[in-house]
């Protein structure tokens, strides 16, 4: 799948990963709009990495153009 195909599914709360990564990456998910310390927090992507937990994720140009995105349960 392309990033354009998985984006609506991320917005619906589903998790995705690139098949080509094949490493410790478990999934990417979208965290919706929220608040932190009384301030507005815009939506952002998180990636869950085995043994490291969550970190912010910003897709690279390669990620955006890749066609190996798959859904994760």
PDB file of N, CA and C in Angstrom:
ATOM      1  N   UNK A   1       0.847  -1.179   0.000  1.00  0.00           N
ATOM      2  CA  UNK A   1       0.000   0.000   0.000  1.00  0.00           C
ATOM      3  C   UNK A   1       0.896   1.246   0.000  1.00  0.00           C
ATOM      4  N   UNK A   2       0.354   2.333  -0.487  1.00  0.00           N
ATOM      5  CA  UNK A   2       1.063   3.607  -0.459  1.00  0.00           C
ATOM      6  C   UNK A   2       0.702   4.371   0.811  1.00  0.00           C
ATOM      7  N   UNK A   3       1.472   5.420   1.093  1.00  0.00           N
ATOM      8  CA  UNK A   3       1.158   6.236   2.258  1.00  0.00           C
ATOM      9  C   UNK A   3      -0.205   6.896   2.096  1.00  0.00           C
ATOM     10  N   UNK A   4      -0.531   7.289   0.864  1.00  0.00           N
ATOM     11  CA  UNK A   4      -1.837   7.894   0.604  1.00  0.00           C
ATOM     12  C   UNK A   4      -2.974   6.928   0.938  1.00  0.00           C
ATOM     13  N   UNK A   5      -2.739   5.640   0.748  1.00  0.00           N
ATOM     14  CA  UNK A   5      -3.757   4.633   1.047  1.00  0.00           C
ATOM     15  C   UNK A   5      -3.883   4.370   2.547  1.00  0.00           C
ATOM     16  N   UNK A   6      -2.766   4.437   3.275  1.00  0.00           N
ATOM     17  CA  UNK A   6      -2.831   4.131   4.705  1.00  0.00           C
ATOM     18  C   UNK A   6      -3.214   5.340   5.549  1.00  0.00           C
ATOM     19  N   UNK A   7      -3.038   6.553   5.024  1.00  0.00           N
ATOM     20  CA  UNK A   7      -3.330   7.746   5.819  1.00  0.00           C
ATOM     21  C   UNK A   7      -4.770   7.781   6.335  1.00  0.00           C
ATOM     22  N   UNK A   8      -5.784   7.517   5.518  1.00  0.00           N
ATOM     23  CA  UNK A   8      -7.145   7.508   6.070  1.00  0.00           C
ATOM     24  C   UNK A   8      -7.321   6.453   7.160  1.00  0.00           C
ATOM     25  N   UNK A   9      -6.612   5.357   7.046  1.00  0.00           N
ATOM     26  CA  UNK A   9      -6.723   4.302   8.055  1.00  0.00           C
ATOM     27  C   UNK A   9      -6.018   4.709   9.345  1.00  0.00           C
ATOM     28  N   UNK A  10      -4.893   5.440   9.214  1.00  0.00           N
ATOM     29  CA  UNK A  10      -4.245   5.995  10.403  1.00  0.00           C
ATOM     30  C   UNK A  10      -5.188   6.963  11.109  1.00  0.00           C
ATOM     31  N   UNK A  11      -5.870   7.795  10.327  1.00  0.00           N
ATOM     32  CA  UNK A  11      -6.824   8.753  10.898  1.00  0.00           C
ATOM     33  C   UNK A  11      -7.977   8.047  11.588  1.00  0.00           C
ATOM     34  N   UNK A  12      -8.278   6.824  11.165  1.00  0.00           N
ATOM     35  CA  UNK A  12      -9.356   6.032  11.770  1.00  0.00           C
ATOM     36  C   UNK A  12      -8.875   5.235  12.988  1.00  0.00           C
ATOM     37  N   UNK A  13      -7.595   5.399  13.367  1.00  0.00           N
ATOM     38  CA  UNK A  13      -7.079   4.739  14.566  1.00  0.00           C
ATOM     39  C   UNK A  13      -6.342   3.441  14.324  1.00  0.00           C
ATOM     40  N   UNK A  14      -6.134   3.058  13.073  1.00  0.00           N
ATOM     41  CA  UNK A  14      -5.420   1.822  12.785  1.00  0.00           C
ATOM     42  C   UNK A  14      -3.913   2.046  12.840  1.00  0.00           C
ATOM     43  N   UNK A  15      -3.173   0.943  12.857  1.00  0.00           N
ATOM     44  CA  UNK A  15      -1.709   0.971  12.946  1.00  0.00           C
ATOM     45  C   UNK A  15      -1.120   0.434  11.649  1.00  0.00           C
ATOM     46  N   UNK A  16       0.031   0.998  11.245  1.00  0.00           N
ATOM     47  CA  UNK A  16       0.688   0.585  10.011  1.00  0.00           C
ATOM     48  C   UNK A  16       2.186   0.429  10.229  1.00  0.00           C
ATOM     49  N   UNK A  17       2.823  -0.227   9.284  1.00  0.00           N
ATOM     50  CA  UNK A  17       4.281  -0.379   9.292  1.00  0.00           C
ATOM     51  C   UNK A  17       4.731  -0.585   7.854  1.00  0.00           C
ATOM     52  N   UNK A  18       5.967  -0.288   7.580  1.00  0.00           N
ATOM     53  CA  UNK A  18       6.513  -0.577   6.259  1.00  0.00           C
ATOM     54  C   UNK A  18       7.097  -1.979   6.273  1.00  0.00           C
ATOM     55  N   UNK A  19       6.692  -2.784   5.332  1.00  0.00           N
ATOM     56  CA  UNK A  19       7.183  -4.151   5.225  1.00  0.00           C
ATOM     57  C   UNK A  19       8.702  -4.171   5.007  1.00  0.00           C
ATOM     58  N   UNK A  20       9.212  -3.178   4.301  1.00  0.00           N
ATOM     59  CA  UNK A  20      10.632  -3.112   3.986  1.00  0.00           C
ATOM     60  C   UNK A  20      11.539  -2.791   5.152  1.00  0.00           C
ATOM     61  N   UNK A  21      11.000  -2.279   6.254  1.00  0.00           N
ATOM     62  CA  UNK A  21      11.847  -1.967   7.391  1.00  0.00           C
ATOM     63  C   UNK A  21      12.410  -3.234   8.006  1.00  0.00           C
ATOM     64  N   UNK A  22      11.567  -4.187   8.326  1.00  0.00           N
ATOM     65  CA  UNK A  22      11.996  -5.492   8.809  1.00  0.00           C
ATOM     66  C   UNK A  22      12.903  -5.489  10.015  1.00  0.00           C
ATOM     67  N   UNK A  23      12.819  -4.476  10.849  1.00  0.00           N
ATOM     68  CA  UNK A  23      13.665  -4.391  12.027  1.00  0.00           C
ATOM     69  C   UNK A  23      12.858  -4.427  13.298  1.00  0.00           C
ATOM     70  N   UNK A  24      13.222  -3.550  14.216  1.00  0.00           N
ATOM     71  CA  UNK A  24      12.586  -3.515  15.527  1.00  0.00           C
ATOM     72  C   UNK A  24      11.311  -2.678  15.539  1.00  0.00           C
ATOM     73  N   UNK A  25      11.007  -2.025  14.422  1.00  0.00           N
ATOM     74  CA  UNK A  25       9.818  -1.191  14.358  1.00  0.00           C
ATOM     75  C   UNK A  25       8.565  -2.063  14.420  1.00  0.00           C
ATOM     76  N   UNK A  26       7.644  -1.733  15.323  1.00  0.00           N
ATOM     77  CA  UNK A  26       6.433  -2.521  15.494  1.00  0.00           C
ATOM     78  C   UNK A  26       5.259  -1.915  14.749  1.00  0.00           C
ATOM     79  N   UNK A  27       5.038  -0.614  14.882  1.00  0.00           N
ATOM     80  CA  UNK A  27       3.955   0.048  14.154  1.00  0.00           C
ATOM     81  C   UNK A  27       4.044   1.555  14.315  1.00  0.00           C
ATOM     82  N   UNK A  28       3.362   2.243  13.403  1.00  0.00           N
ATOM     83  CA  UNK A  28       3.182   3.692  13.447  1.00  0.00           C
ATOM     84  C   UNK A  28       1.705   3.939  13.706  1.00  0.00           C
ATOM     85  N   UNK A  29       1.402   4.931  14.531  1.00  0.00           N
ATOM     86  CA  UNK A  29       0.012   5.306  14.764  1.00  0.00           C
ATOM     87  C   UNK A  29      -0.079   6.819  14.844  1.00  0.00           C
ATOM     88  N   UNK A  30      -1.290   7.331  14.642  1.00  0.00           N
ATOM     89  CA  UNK A  30      -1.556   8.758  14.713  1.00  0.00           C
ATOM     90  C   UNK A  30      -2.208   9.069  16.050  1.00  0.00           C
ATOM     91  N   UNK A  31      -1.663  10.047  16.740  1.00  0.00           N
ATOM     92  CA  UNK A  31      -2.249  10.524  17.995  1.00  0.00           C
ATOM     93  C   UNK A  31      -3.003  11.798  17.657  1.00  0.00           C
ATOM     94  N   UNK A  32      -4.277  11.831  17.992  1.00  0.00           N
ATOM     95  CA  UNK A  32      -5.129  12.957  17.639  1.00  0.00           C
ATOM     96  C   UNK A  32      -4.874  14.209  18.449  1.00  0.00           C
ATOM     97  N   UNK A  33      -5.587  15.244  18.094  1.00  0.00           N
ATOM     98  CA  UNK A  33      -5.492  16.528  18.780  1.00  0.00           C
ATOM     99  C   UNK A  33      -5.785  16.350  20.261  1.00  0.00           C
ATOM    100  N   UNK A  34      -4.998  17.034  21.082  1.00  0.00           N
ATOM    101  CA  UNK A  34      -5.187  16.940  22.528  1.00  0.00           C
ATOM    102  C   UNK A  34      -4.643  18.204  23.186  1.00  0.00           C
ATOM    103  N   UNK A  35      -4.473  18.150  24.493  1.00  0.00           N
ATOM    104  CA  UNK A  35      -3.890  19.251  25.251  1.00  0.00           C
ATOM    105  C   UNK A  35      -2.758  18.731  26.107  1.00  0.00           C
ATOM    106  N   UNK A  36      -1.783  19.604  26.343  1.00  0.00           N
ATOM    107  CA  UNK A  36      -0.664  19.285  27.232  1.00  0.00           C
ATOM    108  C   UNK A  36      -0.313  20.564  27.986  1.00  0.00           C
ATOM    109  N   UNK A  37      -0.303  20.482  29.308  1.00  0.00           N
ATOM    110  CA  UNK A  37      -0.028  21.650  30.154  1.00  0.00           C
ATOM    111  C   UNK A  37      -0.920  22.840  29.787  1.00  0.00           C
ATOM    112  N   UNK A  38      -2.173  22.530  29.439  1.00  0.00           N
ATOM    113  CA  UNK A  38      -3.129  23.570  29.135  1.00  0.00           C
ATOM    114  C   UNK A  38      -2.985  24.181  27.750  1.00  0.00           C
ATOM    115  N   UNK A  39      -2.078  23.642  26.932  1.00  0.00           N
ATOM    116  CA  UNK A  39      -1.862  24.159  25.583  1.00  0.00           C
ATOM    117  C   UNK A  39      -2.364  23.161  24.551  1.00  0.00           C
ATOM    118  N   UNK A  40      -2.818  23.684  23.431  1.00  0.00           N
ATOM    119  CA  UNK A  40      -3.279  22.869  22.311  1.00  0.00           C
ATOM    120  C   UNK A  40      -2.115  22.054  21.747  1.00  0.00           C
ATOM    121  N   UNK A  41      -2.343  20.766  21.520  1.00  0.00           N
ATOM    122  CA  UNK A  41      -1.335  19.879  20.943  1.00  0.00           C
ATOM    123  C   UNK A  41      -1.882  19.341  19.628  1.00  0.00           C
ATOM    124  N   UNK A  42      -1.208  19.646  18.525  1.00  0.00           N
ATOM    125  CA  UNK A  42      -1.636  19.184  17.206  1.00  0.00           C
ATOM    126  C   UNK A  42      -1.440  17.677  17.070  1.00  0.00           C
ATOM    127  N   UNK A  43      -2.175  17.033  16.156  1.00  0.00           N
ATOM    128  CA  UNK A  43      -1.971  15.596  15.919  1.00  0.00           C
ATOM    129  C   UNK A  43      -0.526  15.306  15.504  1.00  0.00           C
ATOM    130  N   UNK A  44      -0.055  14.113  15.841  1.00  0.00           N
ATOM    131  CA  UNK A  44       1.314  13.711  15.510  1.00  0.00           C
ATOM    132  C   UNK A  44       1.382  12.197  15.372  1.00  0.00           C
ATOM    133  N   UNK A  45       2.431  11.730  14.702  1.00  0.00           N
ATOM    134  CA  UNK A  45       2.667  10.299  14.544  1.00  0.00           C
ATOM    135  C   UNK A  45       3.615   9.806  15.624  1.00  0.00           C
ATOM    136  N   UNK A  46       3.351   8.589  16.109  1.00  0.00           N
ATOM    137  CA  UNK A  46       4.257   7.883  17.009  1.00  0.00           C
ATOM    138  C   UNK A  46       4.665   6.582  16.348  1.00  0.00           C
ATOM    139  N   UNK A  47       5.895   6.154  16.625  1.00  0.00           N
ATOM    140  CA  UNK A  47       6.331   4.833  16.193  1.00  0.00           C
ATOM    141  C   UNK A  47       6.705   4.045  17.441  1.00  0.00           C
ATOM    142  N   UNK A  48       6.278   2.798  17.488  1.00  0.00           N
ATOM    143  CA  UNK A  48       6.614   1.910  18.599  1.00  0.00           C
ATOM    144  C   UNK A  48       7.760   1.022  18.138  1.00  0.00           C
ATOM    145  N   UNK A  49       8.871   1.098  18.859  1.00  0.00           N
ATOM    146  CA  UNK A  49      10.071   0.341  18.517  1.00  0.00           C
ATOM    147  C   UNK A  49      10.344  -0.652  19.647  1.00  0.00           C
ATOM    148  N   UNK A  50      10.502  -1.919  19.257  1.00  0.00           N
ATOM    149  CA  UNK A  50      10.740  -2.986  20.242  1.00  0.00           C
ATOM    150  C   UNK A  50      11.947  -2.626  21.117  1.00  0.00           C
ATOM    151  N   UNK A  51      11.752  -2.681  22.426  1.00  0.00           N
ATOM    152  CA  UNK A  51      12.822  -2.428  23.376  1.00  0.00           C
ATOM    153  C   UNK A  51      13.074  -0.961  23.680  1.00  0.00           C
ATOM    154  N   UNK A  52      12.445  -0.069  22.915  1.00  0.00           N
ATOM    155  CA  UNK A  52      12.658   1.359  23.131  1.00  0.00           C
ATOM    156  C   UNK A  52      11.381   2.105  23.477  1.00  0.00           C
ATOM    157  N   UNK A  53      10.225   1.544  23.130  1.00  0.00           N
ATOM    158  CA  UNK A  53       8.957   2.220  23.383  1.00  0.00           C
ATOM    159  C   UNK A  53       8.593   3.162  22.258  1.00  0.00           C
ATOM    160  N   UNK A  54       7.851   4.209  22.589  1.00  0.00           N
ATOM    161  CA  UNK A  54       7.356   5.154  21.596  1.00  0.00           C
ATOM    162  C   UNK A  54       8.304   6.323  21.397  1.00  0.00           C
ATOM    163  N   UNK A  55       8.335   6.816  20.162  1.00  0.00           N
ATOM    164  CA  UNK A  55       9.018   8.066  19.843  1.00  0.00           C
ATOM    165  C   UNK A  55       8.243   8.752  18.725  1.00  0.00           C
ATOM    166  N   UNK A  56       8.425  10.045  18.579  1.00  0.00           N
ATOM    167  CA  UNK A  56       7.765  10.783  17.503  1.00  0.00           C
ATOM    168  C   UNK A  56       8.274  10.258  16.168  1.00  0.00           C
ATOM    169  N   UNK A  57       7.391  10.260  15.173  1.00  0.00           N
ATOM    170  CA  UNK A  57       7.750   9.760  13.845  1.00  0.00           C
ATOM    171  C   UNK A  57       7.377  10.800  12.801  1.00  0.00           C
ATOM    172  N   UNK A  58       8.332  11.127  11.951  1.00  0.00           N
ATOM    173  CA  UNK A  58       8.087  11.995  10.806  1.00  0.00           C
ATOM    174  C   UNK A  58       8.473  11.210   9.561  1.00  0.00           C
ATOM    175  N   UNK A  59       7.525  10.919   8.683  1.00  0.00           N
ATOM    176  CA  UNK A  59       7.843  10.151   7.485  1.00  0.00           C
ATOM    177  C   UNK A  59       8.864  10.883   6.611  1.00  0.00           C
ATOM    178  N   UNK A  60       9.819  10.132   6.087  1.00  0.00           N
ATOM    179  CA  UNK A  60      10.783  10.687   5.149  1.00  0.00           C
ATOM    180  C   UNK A  60      10.172  10.687   3.751  1.00  0.00           C
ATOM    181  N   UNK A  61      10.851  11.287   2.796  1.00  0.00           N
ATOM    182  CA  UNK A  61      10.397  11.247   1.410  1.00  0.00           C
ATOM    183  C   UNK A  61      10.305   9.796   0.950  1.00  0.00           C
ATOM    184  N   UNK A  62      11.283   8.974   1.320  1.00  0.00           N
ATOM    185  CA  UNK A  62      11.242   7.547   0.956  1.00  0.00           C
ATOM    186  C   UNK A  62      10.009   6.862   1.535  1.00  0.00           C
ATOM    187  N   UNK A  63       9.665   7.183   2.788  1.00  0.00           N
ATOM    188  CA  UNK A  63       8.468   6.613   3.408  1.00  0.00           C
ATOM    189  C   UNK A  63       7.213   7.056   2.663  1.00  0.00           C
ATOM    190  N   UNK A  64       7.152   8.335   2.300  1.00  0.00           N
ATOM    191  CA  UNK A  64       5.971   8.860   1.620  1.00  0.00           C
ATOM    192  C   UNK A  64       5.787   8.255   0.233  1.00  0.00           C
ATOM    193  N   UNK A  65       6.887   7.905  -0.430  1.00  0.00           N
ATOM    194  CA  UNK A  65       6.820   7.354  -1.782  1.00  0.00           C
ATOM    195  C   UNK A  65       6.785   5.831  -1.818  1.00  0.00           C
ATOM    196  N   UNK A  66       7.031   5.198  -0.670  1.00  0.00           N
ATOM    197  CA  UNK A  66       7.084   3.734  -0.614  1.00  0.00           C
ATOM    198  C   UNK A  66       5.722   3.107  -0.894  1.00  0.00           C
ATOM    199  N   UNK A  67       5.747   1.895  -1.382  1.00  0.00           N
ATOM    200  CA  UNK A  67       4.523   1.147  -1.672  1.00  0.00           C
ATOM    201  C   UNK A  67       4.449  -0.137  -0.864  1.00  0.00           C
ATOM    202  N   UNK A  68       5.190  -0.194   0.239  1.00  0.00           N
ATOM    203  CA  UNK A  68       5.228  -1.417   1.047  1.00  0.00           C
ATOM    204  C   UNK A  68       4.603  -1.243   2.434  1.00  0.00           C
ATOM    205  N   UNK A  69       3.720  -0.249   2.583  1.00  0.00           N
ATOM    206  CA  UNK A  69       3.009  -0.069   3.844  1.00  0.00           C
ATOM    207  C   UNK A  69       1.976  -1.182   4.017  1.00  0.00           C
ATOM    208  N   UNK A  70       1.913  -1.709   5.233  1.00  0.00           N
ATOM    209  CA  UNK A  70       0.930  -2.764   5.537  1.00  0.00           C
ATOM    210  C   UNK A  70       0.236  -2.410   6.859  1.00  0.00           C
ATOM    211  N   UNK A  71      -0.948  -2.970   7.026  1.00  0.00           N
ATOM    212  CA  UNK A  71      -1.719  -2.763   8.250  1.00  0.00           C
ATOM    213  C   UNK A  71      -1.211  -3.724   9.323  1.00  0.00           C
ATOM    214  N   UNK A  72      -1.277  -3.278  10.592  1.00  0.00           N
ATOM    215  CA  UNK A  72      -0.835  -4.073  11.726  1.00  0.00           C
ATOM    216  C   UNK A  72      -2.024  -4.229  12.679  1.00  0.00           C
ATOM    217  N   UNK A  73      -2.208  -5.430  13.219  1.00  0.00           N
ATOM    218  CA  UNK A  73      -3.284  -5.660  14.203  1.00  0.00           C
ATOM    219  C   UNK A  73      -2.890  -5.157  15.567  1.00  0.00           C
TER     220      UNK A  73
END
